[in-house]
Amino acid sequence: MKILVVEDEPKTGDYLRQGLSEAGYIADLVRDGIDGLHAGLSEAYDLAILDVMLPGMNGWQILQGIRRSGKEIPILFLTACDQIDDRVKGLELGADDYLVKPFAFAELLARVRTLLRRGGKGGKDSDHLRAADLEIDLMARRASRSGQRINLTAKEFALLELLLRRQGEVLPRSLITSQIWDMNFDSDTNVIEVAVRRLRVKVDEGFEPKLIHTVRGMGYILEVK
């Protein structure tokens, strides 16, 4: 799923983008209100996270612009002011939730997942990701294929979740290392190759069709062929 983050404070914006990416989402960061509205109107997002105080245009104006266009994507406000009037104003303008700064990322992630379940594409199935007979339950952190439980480590589950969320896309090794191992890509390390090989054994061995594929010189892809 794709999330728009409009936040001008550099550390907070970078923190949100990295955290959401590590959680398996595609996170686009915009640091200006006018650019934020343009992105919200021109791109297809599943959710938007808006700061209130922004250069160029405030979060309330972005919200109004998005709602006037007819888009009903869930919108979560970030505010530095725990004022009832501010919260009421945002909700009256069409916001779905708010979070007061400073916040714990775990709480933000929980609210993001709740909003996506409530208003996203997947309905009740948004807690599950599937490809052919492979399924993962995001809430229970369980994976299965043809009804058979697959025992995965935390890193393996995170890797499989990323591949499923981006199925049909070739994921470079640099992207996988940054999102799953939170480190810069080193061409001398084979950590990705080893991890993918182990995951492929668990997910594909003994099953058809094979789902995890190597794209030589580019990266890895999960797709049903």
C-alpha atoms as a PDB file:
ATOM      1  CA  MET A   1       0.000   0.000   0.000  1.00  0.00           C
ATOM      2  CA  LYS A   2       1.100   3.540  -0.787  1.00  0.00           C
ATOM      3  CA  ILE A   3       1.189   6.294   1.846  1.00  0.00           C
ATOM      4  CA  LEU A   4       1.726  10.031   1.397  1.00  0.00           C
ATOM      5  CA  VAL A   5       3.594  11.788   4.220  1.00  0.00           C
ATOM      6  CA  VAL A   6       3.554  15.603   4.267  1.00  0.00           C
ATOM      7  CA  GLU A   7       5.932  16.773   6.996  1.00  0.00           C
ATOM      8  CA  ASP A   8       8.389  19.686   6.859  1.00  0.00           C
ATOM      9  CA  GLU A   9      10.405  18.834   9.982  1.00  0.00           C
ATOM     10  CA  PRO A  10      13.384  16.904   8.523  1.00  0.00           C
ATOM     11  CA  LYS A  11      13.966  14.403  11.335  1.00  0.00           C
ATOM     12  CA  THR A  12      10.273  13.595  11.765  1.00  0.00           C
ATOM     13  CA  GLY A  13       9.717  13.234   8.034  1.00  0.00           C
ATOM     14  CA  ASP A  14      12.713  10.958   7.534  1.00  0.00           C
ATOM     15  CA  TYR A  15      11.743   8.935  10.621  1.00  0.00           C
ATOM     16  CA  LEU A  16       8.226   8.397   9.287  1.00  0.00           C
ATOM     17  CA  ARG A  17       9.363   7.474   5.794  1.00  0.00           C
ATOM     18  CA  GLN A  18      11.922   4.956   7.058  1.00  0.00           C
ATOM     19  CA  GLY A  19       9.579   3.430   9.626  1.00  0.00           C
ATOM     20  CA  LEU A  20       6.701   3.017   7.172  1.00  0.00           C
ATOM     21  CA  SER A  21       9.038   1.569   4.553  1.00  0.00           C
ATOM     22  CA  GLU A  22      10.384  -0.947   7.053  1.00  0.00           C
ATOM     23  CA  ALA A  23       6.783  -1.874   7.859  1.00  0.00           C
ATOM     24  CA  GLY A  24       6.318  -2.794   4.210  1.00  0.00           C
ATOM     25  CA  TYR A  25       4.549   0.290   2.876  1.00  0.00           C
ATOM     26  CA  ILE A  26       5.543   2.512  -0.020  1.00  0.00           C
ATOM     27  CA  ALA A  27       6.048   5.900   1.651  1.00  0.00           C
ATOM     28  CA  ASP A  28       6.401   9.135  -0.328  1.00  0.00           C
ATOM     29  CA  LEU A  29       7.677  12.104   1.690  1.00  0.00           C
ATOM     30  CA  VAL A  30       6.812  15.702   0.727  1.00  0.00           C
ATOM     31  CA  ARG A  31       8.046  18.627   2.824  1.00  0.00           C
ATOM     32  CA  ASP A  32       5.848  21.467   1.513  1.00  0.00           C
ATOM     33  CA  GLY A  33       2.090  21.992   1.707  1.00  0.00           C
ATOM     34  CA  ILE A  34       1.602  23.004  -1.930  1.00  0.00           C
ATOM     35  CA  ASP A  35       3.624  20.022  -3.157  1.00  0.00           C
ATOM     36  CA  GLY A  36       1.691  17.847  -0.726  1.00  0.00           C
ATOM     37  CA  LEU A  37      -1.659  18.850  -2.206  1.00  0.00           C
ATOM     38  CA  HIS A  38      -0.335  18.313  -5.728  1.00  0.00           C
ATOM     39  CA  ALA A  39       0.888  14.834  -4.800  1.00  0.00           C
ATOM     40  CA  GLY A  40      -2.398  14.003  -3.076  1.00  0.00           C
ATOM     41  CA  LEU A  41      -4.400  14.994  -6.147  1.00  0.00           C
ATOM     42  CA  SER A  42      -2.155  13.559  -8.848  1.00  0.00           C
ATOM     43  CA  GLU A  43      -1.099  10.223  -7.299  1.00  0.00           C
ATOM     44  CA  ALA A  44      -3.120   7.243  -6.068  1.00  0.00           C
ATOM     45  CA  TYR A  45      -2.523   6.837  -2.318  1.00  0.00           C
ATOM     46  CA  ASP A  46      -4.165   4.506   0.167  1.00  0.00           C
ATOM     47  CA  LEU A  47      -3.621   6.916   3.076  1.00  0.00           C
ATOM     48  CA  ALA A  48      -2.179  10.362   3.800  1.00  0.00           C
ATOM     49  CA  ILE A  49      -0.372  11.542   6.939  1.00  0.00           C
ATOM     50  CA  LEU A  50      -0.440  15.335   7.192  1.00  0.00           C
ATOM     51  CA  ASP A  51       1.294  17.732   9.525  1.00  0.00           C
ATOM     52  CA  VAL A  52      -0.860  20.768  10.359  1.00  0.00           C
ATOM     53  CA  MET A  53       1.732  23.525  10.203  1.00  0.00           C
ATOM     54  CA  LEU A  54       3.473  23.443   6.831  1.00  0.00           C
ATOM     55  CA  PRO A  55       5.157  25.976   4.532  1.00  0.00           C
ATOM     56  CA  GLY A  56       3.113  27.110   1.539  1.00  0.00           C
ATOM     57  CA  MET A  57      -0.199  25.607   2.686  1.00  0.00           C
ATOM     58  CA  ASN A  58      -1.317  24.091   5.984  1.00  0.00           C
ATOM     59  CA  GLY A  59      -2.601  20.588   6.511  1.00  0.00           C
ATOM     60  CA  TRP A  60      -6.220  21.693   6.793  1.00  0.00           C
ATOM     61  CA  GLN A  61      -6.038  23.293   3.350  1.00  0.00           C
ATOM     62  CA  ILE A  62      -4.523  20.121   1.902  1.00  0.00           C
ATOM     63  CA  LEU A  63      -7.334  18.114   3.465  1.00  0.00           C
ATOM     64  CA  GLN A  64      -9.966  20.452   2.007  1.00  0.00           C
ATOM     65  CA  GLY A  65      -8.382  20.248  -1.442  1.00  0.00           C
ATOM     66  CA  ILE A  66      -8.264  16.451  -1.366  1.00  0.00           C
ATOM     67  CA  ARG A  67     -11.882  16.158  -0.177  1.00  0.00           C
ATOM     68  CA  ARG A  68     -13.135  18.696  -2.760  1.00  0.00           C
ATOM     69  CA  SER A  69     -11.593  16.539  -5.482  1.00  0.00           C
ATOM     70  CA  GLY A  70     -13.807  13.655  -4.374  1.00  0.00           C
ATOM     71  CA  LYS A  71     -10.997  11.516  -2.966  1.00  0.00           C
ATOM     72  CA  GLU A  72     -11.999   9.673   0.198  1.00  0.00           C
ATOM     73  CA  ILE A  73      -8.608   8.262   1.228  1.00  0.00           C
ATOM     74  CA  PRO A  74      -8.079   7.998   4.994  1.00  0.00           C
ATOM     75  CA  ILE A  75      -6.225  11.007   6.409  1.00  0.00           C
ATOM     76  CA  LEU A  76      -4.280  11.027   9.678  1.00  0.00           C
ATOM     77  CA  PHE A  77      -3.273  14.404  11.110  1.00  0.00           C
ATOM     78  CA  LEU A  78      -0.103  15.048  13.093  1.00  0.00           C
ATOM     79  CA  THR A  79      -0.344  18.053  15.383  1.00  0.00           C
ATOM     80  CA  ALA A  80       1.995  19.598  17.921  1.00  0.00           C
ATOM     81  CA  CYS A  81      -0.973  21.115  19.761  1.00  0.00           C
ATOM     82  CA  ASP A  82      -3.214  18.993  21.926  1.00  0.00           C
ATOM     83  CA  GLN A  83      -6.032  21.501  21.590  1.00  0.00           C
ATOM     84  CA  ILE A  84      -9.643  20.343  21.406  1.00  0.00           C
ATOM     85  CA  ASP A  85     -10.499  23.063  18.850  1.00  0.00           C
ATOM     86  CA  ASP A  86      -7.734  21.899  16.512  1.00  0.00           C
ATOM     87  CA  ARG A  87      -8.847  18.296  16.736  1.00  0.00           C
ATOM     88  CA  VAL A  88     -12.490  19.192  16.173  1.00  0.00           C
ATOM     89  CA  LYS A  89     -11.624  21.386  13.189  1.00  0.00           C
ATOM     90  CA  GLY A  90      -9.646  18.615  11.525  1.00  0.00           C
ATOM     91  CA  LEU A  91     -12.371  16.038  12.068  1.00  0.00           C
ATOM     92  CA  GLU A  92     -15.067  18.424  10.830  1.00  0.00           C
ATOM     93  CA  LEU A  93     -13.086  19.043   7.651  1.00  0.00           C
ATOM     94  CA  GLY A  94     -12.964  15.327   6.955  1.00  0.00           C
ATOM     95  CA  ALA A  95      -9.903  13.945   8.747  1.00  0.00           C
ATOM     96  CA  ASP A  96     -10.147  10.356   9.962  1.00  0.00           C
ATOM     97  CA  ASP A  97      -7.799  10.479  12.954  1.00  0.00           C
ATOM     98  CA  TYR A  98      -5.147  12.607  14.635  1.00  0.00           C
ATOM     99  CA  LEU A  99      -1.996  12.026  16.645  1.00  0.00           C
ATOM    100  CA  VAL A 100      -0.315  14.532  18.939  1.00  0.00           C
ATOM    101  CA  LYS A 101       3.449  15.055  18.723  1.00  0.00           C
ATOM    102  CA  PRO A 102       5.647  13.656  20.132  1.00  0.00           C
ATOM    103  CA  PHE A 103       4.273  10.203  19.399  1.00  0.00           C
ATOM    104  CA  ALA A 104       5.462   6.609  19.578  1.00  0.00           C
ATOM    105  CA  PHE A 105       5.901   5.102  16.135  1.00  0.00           C
ATOM    106  CA  ALA A 106       4.213   1.880  17.281  1.00  0.00           C
ATOM    107  CA  GLU A 107       1.045   3.867  18.029  1.00  0.00           C
ATOM    108  CA  LEU A 108       1.184   5.635  14.662  1.00  0.00           C
ATOM    109  CA  LEU A 109       1.634   2.306  12.875  1.00  0.00           C
ATOM    110  CA  ALA A 110      -1.327   0.820  14.745  1.00  0.00           C
ATOM    111  CA  ARG A 111      -3.506   3.761  13.708  1.00  0.00           C
ATOM    112  CA  VAL A 112      -2.313   3.529  10.111  1.00  0.00           C
ATOM    113  CA  ARG A 113      -3.247  -0.149   9.977  1.00  0.00           C
ATOM    114  CA  THR A 114      -6.637   0.542  11.543  1.00  0.00           C
ATOM    115  CA  LEU A 115      -7.409   3.292   9.018  1.00  0.00           C
ATOM    116  CA  LEU A 116      -6.302   1.125   6.108  1.00  0.00           C
ATOM    117  CA  ARG A 117      -8.507  -1.742   7.307  1.00  0.00           C
ATOM    118  CA  ARG A 118     -11.435   0.611   7.790  1.00  0.00           C
ATOM    119  CA  GLY A 119     -11.192   2.541   4.563  1.00  0.00           C
ATOM    120  CA  GLY A 120      -8.757   0.677   2.345  1.00  0.00           C
ATOM    121  CA  LYS A 121      -9.172  -1.601  -0.597  1.00  0.00           C
ATOM    122  CA  GLY A 122      -9.005  -4.878   1.208  1.00  0.00           C
ATOM    123  CA  GLY A 123     -11.795  -4.727   3.779  1.00  0.00           C
ATOM    124  CA  LYS A 124     -11.455  -7.655   6.141  1.00  0.00           C
ATOM    125  CA  ASP A 125      -8.818  -9.159   3.880  1.00  0.00           C
ATOM    126  CA  SER A 126      -6.439  -6.214   4.366  1.00  0.00           C
ATOM    127  CA  ASP A 127      -4.932  -8.190   7.270  1.00  0.00           C
ATOM    128  CA  HIS A 128      -3.952 -10.901   4.787  1.00  0.00           C
ATOM    129  CA  LEU A 129      -1.684 -10.923   1.758  1.00  0.00           C
ATOM    130  CA  ARG A 130      -1.990 -13.659  -0.858  1.00  0.00           C
ATOM    131  CA  ALA A 131      -0.383 -14.996  -4.015  1.00  0.00           C
ATOM    132  CA  ALA A 132      -1.716 -18.241  -5.492  1.00  0.00           C
ATOM    133  CA  ASP A 133      -2.084 -20.599  -2.485  1.00  0.00           C
ATOM    134  CA  LEU A 134       0.402 -18.645  -0.341  1.00  0.00           C
ATOM    135  CA  GLU A 135      -1.102 -16.506   2.413  1.00  0.00           C
ATOM    136  CA  ILE A 136       0.244 -14.489   5.317  1.00  0.00           C
ATOM    137  CA  ASP A 137      -1.792 -13.217   8.243  1.00  0.00           C
ATOM    138  CA  LEU A 138      -0.280  -9.869   9.217  1.00  0.00           C
ATOM    139  CA  MET A 139      -1.943  -9.642  12.612  1.00  0.00           C
ATOM    140  CA  ALA A 140      -1.087 -13.189  13.722  1.00  0.00           C
ATOM    141  CA  ARG A 141       2.307 -13.069  11.930  1.00  0.00           C
ATOM    142  CA  ARG A 142       1.671 -16.455  10.348  1.00  0.00           C
ATOM    143  CA  ALA A 143       2.348 -17.802   6.869  1.00  0.00           C
ATOM    144  CA  SER A 144       0.862 -20.816   5.125  1.00  0.00           C
ATOM    145  CA  ARG A 145       0.781 -22.461   1.720  1.00  0.00           C
ATOM    146  CA  SER A 146      -2.014 -24.801   0.626  1.00  0.00           C
ATOM    147  CA  GLY A 147      -3.128 -24.642   4.246  1.00  0.00           C
ATOM    148  CA  GLN A 148       0.240 -25.883   5.543  1.00  0.00           C
ATOM    149  CA  ARG A 149       1.906 -23.709   8.180  1.00  0.00           C
ATOM    150  CA  ILE A 150       5.287 -22.229   7.184  1.00  0.00           C
ATOM    151  CA  ASN A 151       7.601 -21.520  10.106  1.00  0.00           C
ATOM    152  CA  LEU A 152       9.507 -18.289   9.468  1.00  0.00           C
ATOM    153  CA  THR A 153      11.958 -16.213  11.446  1.00  0.00           C
ATOM    154  CA  ALA A 154      11.074 -12.548  12.016  1.00  0.00           C
ATOM    155  CA  LYS A 155      13.376 -11.454   9.182  1.00  0.00           C
ATOM    156  CA  GLU A 156      12.008 -14.108   6.837  1.00  0.00           C
ATOM    157  CA  PHE A 157       8.455 -12.999   7.577  1.00  0.00           C
ATOM    158  CA  ALA A 158       9.396  -9.359   6.956  1.00  0.00           C
ATOM    159  CA  LEU A 159      11.057 -10.317   3.667  1.00  0.00           C
ATOM    160  CA  LEU A 160       8.056 -12.355   2.535  1.00  0.00           C
ATOM    161  CA  GLU A 161       5.694  -9.545   3.512  1.00  0.00           C
ATOM    162  CA  LEU A 162       7.736  -7.066   1.460  1.00  0.00           C
ATOM    163  CA  LEU A 163       7.755  -9.385  -1.567  1.00  0.00           C
ATOM    164  CA  LEU A 164       3.997  -9.949  -1.285  1.00  0.00           C
ATOM    165  CA  ARG A 165       3.181  -6.269  -0.868  1.00  0.00           C
ATOM    166  CA  ARG A 166       5.242  -5.503  -3.950  1.00  0.00           C
ATOM    167  CA  GLN A 167       4.404  -8.658  -5.899  1.00  0.00           C
ATOM    168  CA  GLY A 168       4.951  -8.275  -9.600  1.00  0.00           C
ATOM    169  CA  GLU A 169       7.768  -5.763  -8.996  1.00  0.00           C
ATOM    170  CA  VAL A 170      11.468  -6.522  -9.260  1.00  0.00           C
ATOM    171  CA  LEU A 171      12.990  -5.516  -5.916  1.00  0.00           C
ATOM    172  CA  PRO A 172      16.696  -4.582  -6.057  1.00  0.00           C
ATOM    173  CA  ARG A 173      18.944  -6.014  -3.360  1.00  0.00           C
ATOM    174  CA  SER A 174      19.692  -2.462  -2.189  1.00  0.00           C
ATOM    175  CA  LEU A 175      15.999  -1.864  -1.460  1.00  0.00           C
ATOM    176  CA  ILE A 176      15.657  -5.154   0.411  1.00  0.00           C
ATOM    177  CA  THR A 177      18.714  -4.504   2.575  1.00  0.00           C
ATOM    178  CA  SER A 178      17.576  -0.979   3.458  1.00  0.00           C
ATOM    179  CA  GLN A 179      14.043  -2.044   4.377  1.00  0.00           C
ATOM    180  CA  ILE A 180      14.607  -5.413   6.024  1.00  0.00           C
ATOM    181  CA  TRP A 181      18.118  -5.112   7.477  1.00  0.00           C
ATOM    182  CA  ASP A 182      18.167  -1.311   7.870  1.00  0.00           C
ATOM    183  CA  MET A 183      21.639  -1.004   6.385  1.00  0.00           C
ATOM    184  CA  ASN A 184      23.286   0.310   3.249  1.00  0.00           C
ATOM    185  CA  PHE A 185      23.805  -2.150   0.430  1.00  0.00           C
ATOM    186  CA  ASP A 186      27.248  -3.726   0.331  1.00  0.00           C
ATOM    187  CA  SER A 187      28.037  -5.568  -2.895  1.00  0.00           C
ATOM    188  CA  ASP A 188      30.435  -7.843  -1.014  1.00  0.00           C
ATOM    189  CA  THR A 189      27.793  -9.267   1.326  1.00  0.00           C
ATOM    190  CA  ASN A 190      25.648 -12.258   0.425  1.00  0.00           C
ATOM    191  CA  VAL A 191      23.110 -11.776   3.215  1.00  0.00           C
ATOM    192  CA  ILE A 192      20.287 -11.191   0.718  1.00  0.00           C
ATOM    193  CA  GLU A 193      21.131 -14.229  -1.400  1.00  0.00           C
ATOM    194  CA  VAL A 194      21.236 -16.445   1.687  1.00  0.00           C
ATOM    195  CA  ALA A 195      17.972 -15.051   3.078  1.00  0.00           C
ATOM    196  CA  VAL A 196      16.117 -15.412  -0.229  1.00  0.00           C
ATOM    197  CA  ARG A 197      17.466 -18.939  -0.712  1.00  0.00           C
ATOM    198  CA  ARG A 198      16.215 -19.999   2.743  1.00  0.00           C
ATOM    199  CA  LEU A 199      12.853 -18.333   2.186  1.00  0.00           C
ATOM    200  CA  ARG A 200      12.481 -19.960  -1.234  1.00  0.00           C
ATOM    201  CA  VAL A 201      13.084 -23.402   0.289  1.00  0.00           C
ATOM    202  CA  LYS A 202      10.312 -22.823   2.824  1.00  0.00           C
ATOM    203  CA  VAL A 203       7.828 -21.194   0.444  1.00  0.00           C
ATOM    204  CA  ASP A 204       8.412 -22.971  -2.878  1.00  0.00           C
ATOM    205  CA  GLU A 205       9.963 -26.384  -2.197  1.00  0.00           C
ATOM    206  CA  GLY A 206       7.320 -29.043  -2.762  1.00  0.00           C
ATOM    207  CA  PHE A 207       4.774 -26.578  -4.127  1.00  0.00           C
ATOM    208  CA  GLU A 208       3.652 -25.382  -7.550  1.00  0.00           C
ATOM    209  CA  PRO A 209       3.745 -22.813  -8.988  1.00  0.00           C
ATOM    210  CA  LYS A 210       7.101 -21.426  -7.862  1.00  0.00           C
ATOM    211  CA  LEU A 211       6.587 -17.902  -6.588  1.00  0.00           C
ATOM    212  CA  ILE A 212       9.969 -16.379  -5.704  1.00  0.00           C
ATOM    213  CA  HIS A 213      12.172 -15.706  -8.714  1.00  0.00           C
ATOM    214  CA  THR A 214      15.629 -14.246  -9.299  1.00  0.00           C
ATOM    215  CA  VAL A 215      15.938 -11.608 -12.004  1.00  0.00           C
ATOM    216  CA  ARG A 216      19.586 -11.845 -12.945  1.00  0.00           C
ATOM    217  CA  GLY A 217      21.498  -8.616 -12.396  1.00  0.00           C
ATOM    218  CA  MET A 218      18.445  -6.825 -11.006  1.00  0.00           C
ATOM    219  CA  GLY A 219      17.003  -8.447  -7.891  1.00  0.00           C
ATOM    220  CA  TYR A 220      14.071 -10.600  -6.832  1.00  0.00           C
ATOM    221  CA  ILE A 221      10.383 -10.789  -7.641  1.00  0.00           C
ATOM    222  CA  LEU A 222       7.400 -12.650  -6.230  1.00  0.00           C
ATOM    223  CA  GLU A 223       4.878 -13.431  -8.944  1.00  0.00           C
ATOM    224  CA  VAL A 224       2.581 -16.174 -10.134  1.00  0.00           C
ATOM    225  CA  LYS A 225       3.744 -17.405 -13.536  1.00  0.00           C
END
